PDB file of all heavy atoms in Angstrom:
ATOM      1  N   ILE A   1     102.370  94.355  92.042  1.00  0.00           N
ATOM      2  CA  ILE A   1     101.620  93.176  92.503  1.00  0.00           C
ATOM      3  C   ILE A   1     100.120  93.470  92.461  1.00  0.00           C
ATOM      4  O   ILE A   1      99.323  92.647  92.000  1.00  0.00           O
ATOM      5  CB  ILE A   1     102.061  92.779  93.929  1.00  0.00           C
ATOM      6  CG1 ILE A   1     103.513  92.289  93.919  1.00  0.00           C
ATOM      7  CG2 ILE A   1     101.129  91.698  94.497  1.00  0.00           C
ATOM      8  CD1 ILE A   1     104.119  92.119  95.298  1.00  0.00           C
ATOM      9  N   TYR A   2      99.747  94.648  92.912  1.00  0.00           N
ATOM     10  CA  TYR A   2      98.340  95.043  92.901  1.00  0.00           C
ATOM     11  C   TYR A   2      97.797  95.052  91.468  1.00  0.00           C
ATOM     12  O   TYR A   2      96.725  94.480  91.201  1.00  0.00           O
ATOM     13  CB  TYR A   2      98.186  96.412  93.544  1.00  0.00           C
ATOM     14  CG  TYR A   2      96.779  96.944  93.538  1.00  0.00           C
ATOM     15  CD1 TYR A   2      95.844  96.464  94.448  1.00  0.00           C
ATOM     16  CD2 TYR A   2      96.366  97.891  92.618  1.00  0.00           C
ATOM     17  CE1 TYR A   2      94.557  96.939  94.439  1.00  0.00           C
ATOM     18  CE2 TYR A   2      95.076  98.368  92.612  1.00  0.00           C
ATOM     19  CZ  TYR A   2      94.167  97.881  93.521  1.00  0.00           C
ATOM     20  OH  TYR A   2      92.880  98.333  93.506  1.00  0.00           O
ATOM     21  N   ALA A   3      98.532  95.617  90.541  1.00  0.00           N
ATOM     22  CA  ALA A   3      98.090  95.665  89.138  1.00  0.00           C
ATOM     23  C   ALA A   3      97.914  94.254  88.583  1.00  0.00           C
ATOM     24  O   ALA A   3      96.963  93.992  87.839  1.00  0.00           O
ATOM     25  CB  ALA A   3      99.089  96.476  88.295  1.00  0.00           C
ATOM     26  N   GLN A   4      98.823  93.360  88.903  1.00  0.00           N
ATOM     27  CA  GLN A   4      98.714  91.981  88.436  1.00  0.00           C
ATOM     28  C   GLN A   4      97.461  91.312  89.000  1.00  0.00           C
ATOM     29  O   GLN A   4      96.786  90.565  88.283  1.00  0.00           O
ATOM     30  CB  GLN A   4      99.946  91.192  88.832  1.00  0.00           C
ATOM     31  CG  GLN A   4     101.187  91.600  88.089  1.00  0.00           C
ATOM     32  CD  GLN A   4     102.453  90.970  88.655  1.00  0.00           C
ATOM     33  OE1 GLN A   4     102.436  90.352  89.720  1.00  0.00           O
ATOM     34  NE2 GLN A   4     103.549  91.153  87.974  1.00  0.00           N
ATOM     35  N   GLN A   5      97.174  91.564  90.257  1.00  0.00           N
ATOM     36  CA  GLN A   5      95.986  90.976  90.865  1.00  0.00           C
ATOM     37  C   GLN A   5      94.711  91.504  90.220  1.00  0.00           C
ATOM     38  O   GLN A   5      93.749  90.762  90.020  1.00  0.00           O
ATOM     39  CB  GLN A   5      95.973  91.225  92.374  1.00  0.00           C
ATOM     40  CG  GLN A   5      97.090  90.529  93.134  1.00  0.00           C
ATOM     41  CD  GLN A   5      97.078  89.027  92.932  1.00  0.00           C
ATOM     42  OE1 GLN A   5      96.049  88.375  93.040  1.00  0.00           O
ATOM     43  NE2 GLN A   5      98.223  88.479  92.624  1.00  0.00           N
ATOM     44  N   VAL A   6      94.700  92.776  89.887  1.00  0.00           N
ATOM     45  CA  VAL A   6      93.541  93.362  89.217  1.00  0.00           C
ATOM     46  C   VAL A   6      93.357  92.696  87.853  1.00  0.00           C
ATOM     47  O   VAL A   6      92.226  92.402  87.445  1.00  0.00           O
ATOM     48  CB  VAL A   6      93.677  94.899  89.096  1.00  0.00           C
ATOM     49  CG1 VAL A   6      92.622  95.476  88.191  1.00  0.00           C
ATOM     50  CG2 VAL A   6      93.612  95.542  90.475  1.00  0.00           C
ATOM     51  N   GLU A   7      94.454  92.426  87.155  1.00  0.00           N
ATOM     52  CA  GLU A   7      94.361  91.695  85.884  1.00  0.00           C
ATOM     53  C   GLU A   7      93.807  90.297  86.096  1.00  0.00           C
ATOM     54  O   GLU A   7      92.968  89.827  85.320  1.00  0.00           O
ATOM     55  CB  GLU A   7      95.726  91.608  85.215  1.00  0.00           C
ATOM     56  CG  GLU A   7      96.207  92.894  84.598  1.00  0.00           C
ATOM     57  CD  GLU A   7      97.560  92.731  83.933  1.00  0.00           C
ATOM     58  OE1 GLU A   7      97.846  91.641  83.391  1.00  0.00           O
ATOM     59  OE2 GLU A   7      98.332  93.699  83.975  1.00  0.00           O
ATOM     60  N   LEU A   8      94.258  89.609  87.142  1.00  0.00           N
ATOM     61  CA  LEU A   8      93.763  88.270  87.423  1.00  0.00           C
ATOM     62  C   LEU A   8      92.258  88.264  87.719  1.00  0.00           C
ATOM     63  O   LEU A   8      91.582  87.279  87.436  1.00  0.00           O
ATOM     64  CB  LEU A   8      94.521  87.661  88.618  1.00  0.00           C
ATOM     65  CG  LEU A   8      95.929  87.198  88.354  1.00  0.00           C
ATOM     66  CD1 LEU A   8      96.599  86.777  89.657  1.00  0.00           C
ATOM     67  CD2 LEU A   8      95.943  86.044  87.352  1.00  0.00           C
ATOM     68  N   ARG A   9      91.772  89.340  88.261  1.00  0.00           N
ATOM     69  CA  ARG A   9      90.356  89.442  88.586  1.00  0.00           C
ATOM     70  C   ARG A   9      89.501  89.262  87.313  1.00  0.00           C
ATOM     71  O   ARG A   9      88.350  88.798  87.398  1.00  0.00           O
ATOM     72  CB  ARG A   9      90.068  90.806  89.201  1.00  0.00           C
ATOM     73  CG  ARG A   9      88.657  91.043  89.605  1.00  0.00           C
ATOM     74  CD  ARG A   9      88.436  92.460  90.021  1.00  0.00           C
ATOM     75  NE  ARG A   9      88.574  92.584  91.467  1.00  0.00           N
ATOM     76  CZ  ARG A   9      88.689  93.753  92.095  1.00  0.00           C
ATOM     77  NH1 ARG A   9      88.729  94.874  91.418  1.00  0.00           N
ATOM     78  NH2 ARG A   9      88.785  93.798  93.398  1.00  0.00           N
ATOM     79  N   GLN A  10      90.049  89.591  86.156  1.00  0.00           N
ATOM     80  CA  GLN A  10      89.298  89.486  84.902  1.00  0.00           C
ATOM     81  C   GLN A  10      89.203  88.071  84.367  1.00  0.00           C
ATOM     82  O   GLN A  10      88.402  87.791  83.478  1.00  0.00           O
ATOM     83  CB  GLN A  10      89.960  90.391  83.832  1.00  0.00           C
ATOM     84  CG  GLN A  10      90.124  91.831  84.256  1.00  0.00           C
ATOM     85  CD  GLN A  10      88.815  92.456  84.730  1.00  0.00           C
ATOM     86  OE1 GLN A  10      87.791  92.320  84.097  1.00  0.00           O
ATOM     87  NE2 GLN A  10      88.870  93.124  85.862  1.00  0.00           N
ATOM     88  N   ILE A  11      90.016  87.151  84.887  1.00  0.00           N
ATOM     89  CA  ILE A  11      89.996  85.769  84.425  1.00  0.00           C
ATOM     90  C   ILE A  11      88.779  85.070  85.013  1.00  0.00           C
ATOM     91  O   ILE A  11      88.576  85.073  86.228  1.00  0.00           O
ATOM     92  CB  ILE A  11      91.299  85.042  84.813  1.00  0.00           C
ATOM     93  CG1 ILE A  11      92.484  85.721  84.152  1.00  0.00           C
ATOM     94  CG2 ILE A  11      91.222  83.578  84.446  1.00  0.00           C
ATOM     95  CD1 ILE A  11      93.824  85.183  84.603  1.00  0.00           C
ATOM     96  N   ASP A  12      87.972  84.471  84.148  1.00  0.00           N
ATOM     97  CA  ASP A  12      86.725  83.887  84.634  1.00  0.00           C
ATOM     98  C   ASP A  12      86.767  82.369  84.778  1.00  0.00           C
ATOM     99  O   ASP A  12      85.795  81.757  85.160  1.00  0.00           O
ATOM    100  CB  ASP A  12      85.553  84.295  83.748  1.00  0.00           C
ATOM    101  CG  ASP A  12      85.735  83.857  82.316  1.00  0.00           C
ATOM    102  OD1 ASP A  12      86.743  83.229  81.974  1.00  0.00           O
ATOM    103  OD2 ASP A  12      84.826  84.144  81.506  1.00  0.00           O
ATOM    104  N   ASP A  13      87.902  81.750  84.494  1.00  0.00           N
ATOM    105  CA  ASP A  13      87.943  80.282  84.594  1.00  0.00           C
ATOM    106  C   ASP A  13      88.855  79.773  85.723  1.00  0.00           C
ATOM    107  O   ASP A  13      89.347  78.662  85.674  1.00  0.00           O
ATOM    108  CB  ASP A  13      88.360  79.665  83.267  1.00  0.00           C
ATOM    109  CG  ASP A  13      89.779  80.024  82.850  1.00  0.00           C
ATOM    110  OD1 ASP A  13      90.357  80.921  83.456  1.00  0.00           O
ATOM    111  OD2 ASP A  13      90.289  79.379  81.906  1.00  0.00           O
ATOM    112  N   ILE A  14      89.023  80.587  86.761  1.00  0.00           N
ATOM    113  CA  ILE A  14      89.862  80.150  87.873  1.00  0.00           C
ATOM    114  C   ILE A  14      89.013  79.632  89.042  1.00  0.00           C
ATOM    115  O   ILE A  14      89.565  79.230  90.063  1.00  0.00           O
ATOM    116  CB  ILE A  14      90.827  81.267  88.353  1.00  0.00           C
ATOM    117  CG1 ILE A  14      90.090  82.499  88.851  1.00  0.00           C
ATOM    118  CG2 ILE A  14      91.816  81.621  87.261  1.00  0.00           C
ATOM    119  CD1 ILE A  14      90.991  83.557  89.451  1.00  0.00           C
ATOM    120  N   GLY A  15      87.732  79.632  88.874  1.00  0.00           N
ATOM    121  CA  GLY A  15      86.852  79.059  89.890  1.00  0.00           C
ATOM    122  C   GLY A  15      86.645  79.985  91.081  1.00  0.00           C
ATOM    123  O   GLY A  15      87.335  80.989  91.234  1.00  0.00           O
ATOM    124  N   PRO A  16      85.694  79.606  91.929  1.00  0.00           N
ATOM    125  CA  PRO A  16      85.372  80.421  93.086  1.00  0.00           C
ATOM    126  C   PRO A  16      86.541  80.590  94.060  1.00  0.00           C
ATOM    127  O   PRO A  16      86.773  81.679  94.590  1.00  0.00           O
ATOM    128  CB  PRO A  16      84.199  79.703  93.765  1.00  0.00           C
ATOM    129  CG  PRO A  16      83.678  78.764  92.747  1.00  0.00           C
ATOM    130  CD  PRO A  16      84.779  78.483  91.779  1.00  0.00           C
ATOM    131  N   SER A  17      87.284  79.518  94.301  1.00  0.00           N
ATOM    132  CA  SER A  17      88.390  79.628  95.259  1.00  0.00           C
ATOM    133  C   SER A  17      89.515  80.500  94.699  1.00  0.00           C
ATOM    134  O   SER A  17      90.148  81.255  95.419  1.00  0.00           O
ATOM    135  CB  SER A  17      88.923  78.259  95.664  1.00  0.00           C
ATOM    136  OG  SER A  17      89.414  77.560  94.524  1.00  0.00           O
ATOM    137  N   GLY A  18      89.726  80.434  93.379  1.00  0.00           N
ATOM    138  CA  GLY A  18      90.725  81.302  92.746  1.00  0.00           C
ATOM    139  C   GLY A  18      90.306  82.756  92.842  1.00  0.00           C
ATOM    140  O   GLY A  18      91.144  83.623  93.130  1.00  0.00           O
ATOM    141  N   GLN A  19      89.025  83.028  92.602  1.00  0.00           N
ATOM    142  CA  GLN A  19      88.524  84.392  92.705  1.00  0.00           C
ATOM    143  C   GLN A  19      88.625  84.917  94.141  1.00  0.00           C
ATOM    144  O   GLN A  19      88.989  86.068  94.362  1.00  0.00           O
ATOM    145  CB  GLN A  19      87.069  84.478  92.241  1.00  0.00           C
ATOM    146  CG  GLN A  19      86.900  84.375  90.747  1.00  0.00           C
ATOM    147  CD  GLN A  19      87.432  85.591  90.011  1.00  0.00           C
ATOM    148  OE1 GLN A  19      87.645  86.662  90.584  1.00  0.00           O
ATOM    149  NE2 GLN A  19      87.670  85.438  88.722  1.00  0.00           N
ATOM    150  N   GLU A  20      88.329  84.052  95.116  1.00  0.00           N
ATOM    151  CA  GLU A  20      88.471  84.460  96.516  1.00  0.00           C
ATOM    152  C   GLU A  20      89.905  84.828  96.853  1.00  0.00           C
ATOM    153  O   GLU A  20      90.168  85.816  97.553  1.00  0.00           O
ATOM    154  CB  GLU A  20      88.004  83.342  97.451  1.00  0.00           C
ATOM    155  CG  GLU A  20      86.506  83.180  97.520  1.00  0.00           C
ATOM    156  CD  GLU A  20      86.091  82.040  98.427  1.00  0.00           C
ATOM    157  OE1 GLU A  20      86.839  81.733  99.400  1.00  0.00           O
ATOM    158  OE2 GLU A  20      85.045  81.435  98.183  1.00  0.00           O
ATOM    159  N   ARG A  21      90.823  84.030  96.345  1.00  0.00           N
ATOM    160  CA  ARG A  21      92.243  84.318  96.613  1.00  0.00           C
ATOM    161  C   ARG A  21      92.661  85.641  95.991  1.00  0.00           C
ATOM    162  O   ARG A  21      93.365  86.434  96.591  1.00  0.00           O
ATOM    163  CB  ARG A  21      93.097  83.185  96.062  1.00  0.00           C
ATOM    164  CG  ARG A  21      94.550  83.502  96.087  1.00  0.00           C
ATOM    165  CD  ARG A  21      95.326  82.508  96.809  1.00  0.00           C
ATOM    166  NE  ARG A  21      96.692  82.987  96.994  1.00  0.00           N
ATOM    167  CZ  ARG A  21      97.675  82.201  97.243  1.00  0.00           C
ATOM    168  NH1 ARG A  21      97.471  80.917  97.367  1.00  0.00           N
ATOM    169  NH2 ARG A  21      98.877  82.685  97.414  1.00  0.00           N
ATOM    170  N   VAL A  22      92.218  85.877  94.753  1.00  0.00           N
ATOM    171  CA  VAL A  22      92.546  87.142  94.087  1.00  0.00           C
ATOM    172  C   VAL A  22      92.000  88.320  94.899  1.00  0.00           C
ATOM    173  O   VAL A  22      92.705  89.305  95.137  1.00  0.00           O
ATOM    174  CB  VAL A  22      92.007  87.160  92.633  1.00  0.00           C
ATOM    175  CG1 VAL A  22      92.072  88.550  92.049  1.00  0.00           C
ATOM    176  CG2 VAL A  22      92.765  86.161  91.779  1.00  0.00           C
ATOM    177  N   GLU A  23      90.751  88.226  95.344  1.00  0.00           N
ATOM    178  CA  GLU A  23      90.163  89.314  96.124  1.00  0.00           C
ATOM    179  C   GLU A  23      90.905  89.515  97.445  1.00  0.00           C
ATOM    180  O   GLU A  23      91.154  90.636  97.868  1.00  0.00           O
ATOM    181  CB  GLU A  23      88.680  89.049  96.380  1.00  0.00           C
ATOM    182  CG  GLU A  23      87.815  89.143  95.137  1.00  0.00           C
ATOM    183  CD  GLU A  23      87.925  90.484  94.417  1.00  0.00           C
ATOM    184  OE1 GLU A  23      87.973  91.541  95.074  1.00  0.00           O
ATOM    185  OE2 GLU A  23      87.939  90.465  93.173  1.00  0.00           O
ATOM    186  N   ARG A  24      91.283  88.406  98.070  1.00  0.00           N
ATOM    187  CA  ARG A  24      92.044  88.513  99.329  1.00  0.00           C
ATOM    188  C   ARG A  24      93.367  89.214  99.094  1.00  0.00           C
ATOM    189  O   ARG A  24      93.780  90.092  99.835  1.00  0.00           O
ATOM    190  CB  ARG A  24      92.287  87.120  99.907  1.00  0.00           C
ATOM    191  CG  ARG A  24      92.987  87.167 101.262  1.00  0.00           C
ATOM    192  CD  ARG A  24      93.553  85.840 101.666  1.00  0.00           C
ATOM    193  NE  ARG A  24      94.700  85.567 100.804  1.00  0.00           N
ATOM    194  CZ  ARG A  24      95.178  84.364 100.550  1.00  0.00           C
ATOM    195  NH1 ARG A  24      94.611  83.294 101.086  1.00  0.00           N
ATOM    196  NH2 ARG A  24      96.233  84.192  99.776  1.00  0.00           N
ATOM    197  N   ASP A  25      94.051  88.811  97.993  1.00  0.00           N
ATOM    198  CA  ASP A  25      95.353  89.410  97.685  1.00  0.00           C
ATOM    199  C   ASP A  25      95.218  90.879  97.289  1.00  0.00           C
ATOM    200  O   ASP A  25      96.068  91.702  97.633  1.00  0.00           O
ATOM    201  CB  ASP A  25      96.069  88.611  96.614  1.00  0.00           C
ATOM    202  CG  ASP A  25      96.487  87.236  97.091  1.00  0.00           C
ATOM    203  OD1 ASP A  25      96.469  86.991  98.331  1.00  0.00           O
ATOM    204  OD2 ASP A  25      96.852  86.400  96.248  1.00  0.00           O
ATOM    205  N   ILE A  26      94.151  91.243  96.583  1.00  0.00           N
ATOM    206  CA  ILE A  26      93.907  92.645  96.232  1.00  0.00           C
ATOM    207  C   ILE A  26      93.723  93.457  97.516  1.00  0.00           C
ATOM    208  O   ILE A  26      94.322  94.531  97.664  1.00  0.00           O
ATOM    209  CB  ILE A  26      92.679  92.782  95.312  1.00  0.00           C
ATOM    210  CG1 ILE A  26      93.071  92.344  93.892  1.00  0.00           C
ATOM    211  CG2 ILE A  26      92.142  94.217  95.306  1.00  0.00           C
ATOM    212  CD1 ILE A  26      91.895  92.287  92.933  1.00  0.00           C
ATOM    213  N   ASN A  27      92.934  92.950  98.442  1.00  0.00           N
ATOM    214  CA  ASN A  27      92.713  93.671  99.699  1.00  0.00           C
ATOM    215  C   ASN A  27      94.001  93.788 100.508  1.00  0.00           C
ATOM    216  O   ASN A  27      94.256  94.814 101.128  1.00  0.00           O
ATOM    217  CB  ASN A  27      91.609  92.992 100.514  1.00  0.00           C
ATOM    218  CG  ASN A  27      90.254  93.202  99.893  1.00  0.00           C
ATOM    219  OD1 ASN A  27      89.991  94.235  99.257  1.00  0.00           O
ATOM    220  ND2 ASN A  27      89.385  92.233 100.032  1.00  0.00           N
ATOM    221  N   ARG A  28      94.819  92.737 100.485  1.00  0.00           N
ATOM    222  CA  ARG A  28      96.095  92.793 101.200  1.00  0.00           C
ATOM    223  C   ARG A  28      96.994  93.859 100.581  1.00  0.00           C
ATOM    224  O   ARG A  28      97.616  94.658 101.278  1.00  0.00           O
ATOM    225  CB  ARG A  28      96.789  91.437 101.145  1.00  0.00           C
ATOM    226  CG  ARG A  28      98.111  91.436 101.889  1.00  0.00           C
ATOM    227  CD  ARG A  28      98.767  90.076 101.871  1.00  0.00           C
ATOM    228  NE  ARG A  28      97.927  89.130 102.607  1.00  0.00           N
ATOM    229  CZ  ARG A  28      97.852  87.841 102.321  1.00  0.00           C
ATOM    230  NH1 ARG A  28      98.549  87.336 101.320  1.00  0.00           N
ATOM    231  NH2 ARG A  28      97.102  87.032 103.034  1.00  0.00           N
ATOM    232  N   CYS A  29      97.045  93.892  99.240  1.00  0.00           N
ATOM    233  CA  CYS A  29      97.870  94.904  98.558  1.00  0.00           C
ATOM    234  C   CYS A  29      97.367  96.313  98.872  1.00  0.00           C
ATOM    235  O   CYS A  29      98.165  97.213  99.126  1.00  0.00           O
ATOM    236  CB  CYS A  29      97.842  94.686  97.053  1.00  0.00           C
ATOM    237  SG  CYS A  29      98.817  93.281  96.506  1.00  0.00           S
ATOM    238  N   LYS A  30      96.066  96.499  98.848  1.00  0.00           N
ATOM    239  CA  LYS A  30      95.492  97.820  99.170  1.00  0.00           C
ATOM    240  C   LYS A  30      95.881  98.251 100.570  1.00  0.00           C
ATOM    241  O   LYS A  30      96.246  99.408 100.788  1.00  0.00           O
ATOM    242  CB  LYS A  30      93.962  97.788  99.074  1.00  0.00           C
ATOM    243  CG  LYS A  30      93.426  97.875  97.684  1.00  0.00           C
ATOM    244  CD  LYS A  30      91.900  97.884  97.738  1.00  0.00           C
ATOM    245  CE  LYS A  30      91.279  97.989  96.394  1.00  0.00           C
ATOM    246  NZ  LYS A  30      89.818  97.978  96.438  1.00  0.00           N
ATOM    247  N   LYS A  31      95.850  97.320 101.514  1.00  0.00           N
ATOM    248  CA  LYS A  31      96.213  97.644 102.908  1.00  0.00           C
ATOM    249  C   LYS A  31      97.671  98.055 103.001  1.00  0.00           C
ATOM    250  O   LYS A  31      98.007  99.064 103.606  1.00  0.00           O
ATOM    251  CB  LYS A  31      95.928  96.423 103.787  1.00  0.00           C
ATOM    252  CG  LYS A  31      96.466  96.517 105.198  1.00  0.00           C
ATOM    253  CD  LYS A  31      95.606  97.419 106.056  1.00  0.00           C
ATOM    254  CE  LYS A  31      96.026  97.285 107.511  1.00  0.00           C
ATOM    255  NZ  LYS A  31      96.708  98.456 108.020  1.00  0.00           N
ATOM    256  N   VAL A  32      98.553  97.257 102.402  1.00  0.00           N
ATOM    257  CA  VAL A  32      99.991  97.571 102.442  1.00  0.00           C
ATOM    258  C   VAL A  32     100.248  98.916 101.766  1.00  0.00           C
ATOM    259  O   VAL A  32     100.933  99.783 102.322  1.00  0.00           O
ATOM    260  CB  VAL A  32     100.833  96.464 101.799  1.00  0.00           C
ATOM    261  CG1 VAL A  32     102.277  96.887 101.621  1.00  0.00           C
ATOM    262  CG2 VAL A  32     100.759  95.170 102.617  1.00  0.00           C
ATOM    263  N   LEU A  33      99.663  99.112 100.594  1.00  0.00           N
ATOM    264  CA  LEU A  33      99.886 100.364  99.873  1.00  0.00           C
ATOM    265  C   LEU A  33      99.320 101.558 100.641  1.00  0.00           C
ATOM    266  O   LEU A  33      99.950 102.620 100.697  1.00  0.00           O
ATOM    267  CB  LEU A  33      99.291 100.296  98.472  1.00  0.00           C
ATOM    268  CG  LEU A  33     100.072  99.405  97.519  1.00  0.00           C
ATOM    269  CD1 LEU A  33      99.257  99.097  96.272  1.00  0.00           C
ATOM    270  CD2 LEU A  33     101.402 100.040  97.154  1.00  0.00           C
ATOM    271  N   SER A  34      98.188 101.383 101.242  1.00  0.00           N
ATOM    272  CA  SER A  34      97.603 102.460 102.067  1.00  0.00           C
ATOM    273  C   SER A  34      98.524 102.772 103.233  1.00  0.00           C
ATOM    274  O   SER A  34      98.770 103.944 103.543  1.00  0.00           O
ATOM    275  CB  SER A  34      96.217 102.030 102.539  1.00  0.00           C
ATOM    276  OG  SER A  34      95.676 102.998 103.392  1.00  0.00           O
ATOM    277  N   ASP A  35      99.024 101.741 103.882  1.00  0.00           N
ATOM    278  CA  ASP A  35      99.952 101.947 105.012  1.00  0.00           C
ATOM    279  C   ASP A  35     101.229 102.640 104.567  1.00  0.00           C
ATOM    280  O   ASP A  35     101.856 103.348 105.342  1.00  0.00           O
ATOM    281  CB  ASP A  35     100.302 100.616 105.671  1.00  0.00           C
ATOM    282  CG  ASP A  35      99.144 100.012 106.448  1.00  0.00           C
ATOM    283  OD1 ASP A  35      98.127 100.706 106.645  1.00  0.00           O
ATOM    284  OD2 ASP A  35      99.254  98.843 106.851  1.00  0.00           O
ATOM    285  N   LEU A  36     101.617 102.424 103.323  1.00  0.00           N
ATOM    286  CA  LEU A  36     102.814 103.076 102.794  1.00  0.00           C
ATOM    287  C   LEU A  36     102.546 104.500 102.321  1.00  0.00           C
ATOM    288  O   LEU A  36     103.456 105.197 101.916  1.00  0.00           O
ATOM    289  CB  LEU A  36     103.405 102.249 101.644  1.00  0.00           C
ATOM    290  CG  LEU A  36     103.993 100.900 102.010  1.00  0.00           C
ATOM    291  CD1 LEU A  36     104.409 100.129 100.760  1.00  0.00           C
ATOM    292  CD2 LEU A  36     105.172 101.072 102.948  1.00  0.00           C
ATOM    293  N   GLY A  37     101.278 104.914 102.354  1.00  0.00           N
ATOM    294  CA  GLY A  37     100.943 106.277 101.977  1.00  0.00           C
ATOM    295  C   GLY A  37     100.442 106.453 100.560  1.00  0.00           C
ATOM    296  O   GLY A  37     100.338 107.571 100.061  1.00  0.00           O
ATOM    297  N   ALA A  38     100.128 105.340  99.893  1.00  0.00           N
ATOM    298  CA  ALA A  38      99.598 105.447  98.532  1.00  0.00           C
ATOM    299  C   ALA A  38      98.235 106.117  98.555  1.00  0.00           C
ATOM    300  O   ALA A  38      97.493 106.010  99.534  1.00  0.00           O
ATOM    301  CB  ALA A  38      99.487 104.048  97.886  1.00  0.00           C
ATOM    302  N   ASP A  39      97.916 106.784  97.467  1.00  0.00           N
ATOM    303  CA  ASP A  39      96.635 107.478  97.350  1.00  0.00           C
ATOM    304  C   ASP A  39      95.505 106.473  97.137  1.00  0.00           C
ATOM    305  O   ASP A  39      95.470 105.802  96.107  1.00  0.00           O
ATOM    306  CB  ASP A  39      96.722 108.452  96.166  1.00  0.00           C
ATOM    307  CG  ASP A  39      95.445 109.213  95.940  1.00  0.00           C
ATOM    308  OD1 ASP A  39      94.538 109.170  96.788  1.00  0.00           O
ATOM    309  OD2 ASP A  39      95.360 109.879  94.883  1.00  0.00           O
ATOM    310  N   PRO A  40      94.582 106.334  98.075  1.00  0.00           N
ATOM    311  CA  PRO A  40      93.492 105.372  97.943  1.00  0.00           C
ATOM    312  C   PRO A  40      92.611 105.642  96.715  1.00  0.00           C
ATOM    313  O   PRO A  40      92.096 104.709  96.108  1.00  0.00           O
ATOM    314  CB  PRO A  40      92.681 105.509  99.216  1.00  0.00           C
ATOM    315  CG  PRO A  40      93.455 106.389 100.120  1.00  0.00           C
ATOM    316  CD  PRO A  40      94.519 107.060  99.324  1.00  0.00           C
TER     317      PRO A  40
END
């Protein structure tokens, strides 16, 4: 899921709200993965 969100970050025609959602989801994935013990 994190990798997919990083790919979505590269899309430039999803508008500001789309970019905000992608960033929010990336941060959520980072938090979950960090809590699971993934290497930051």
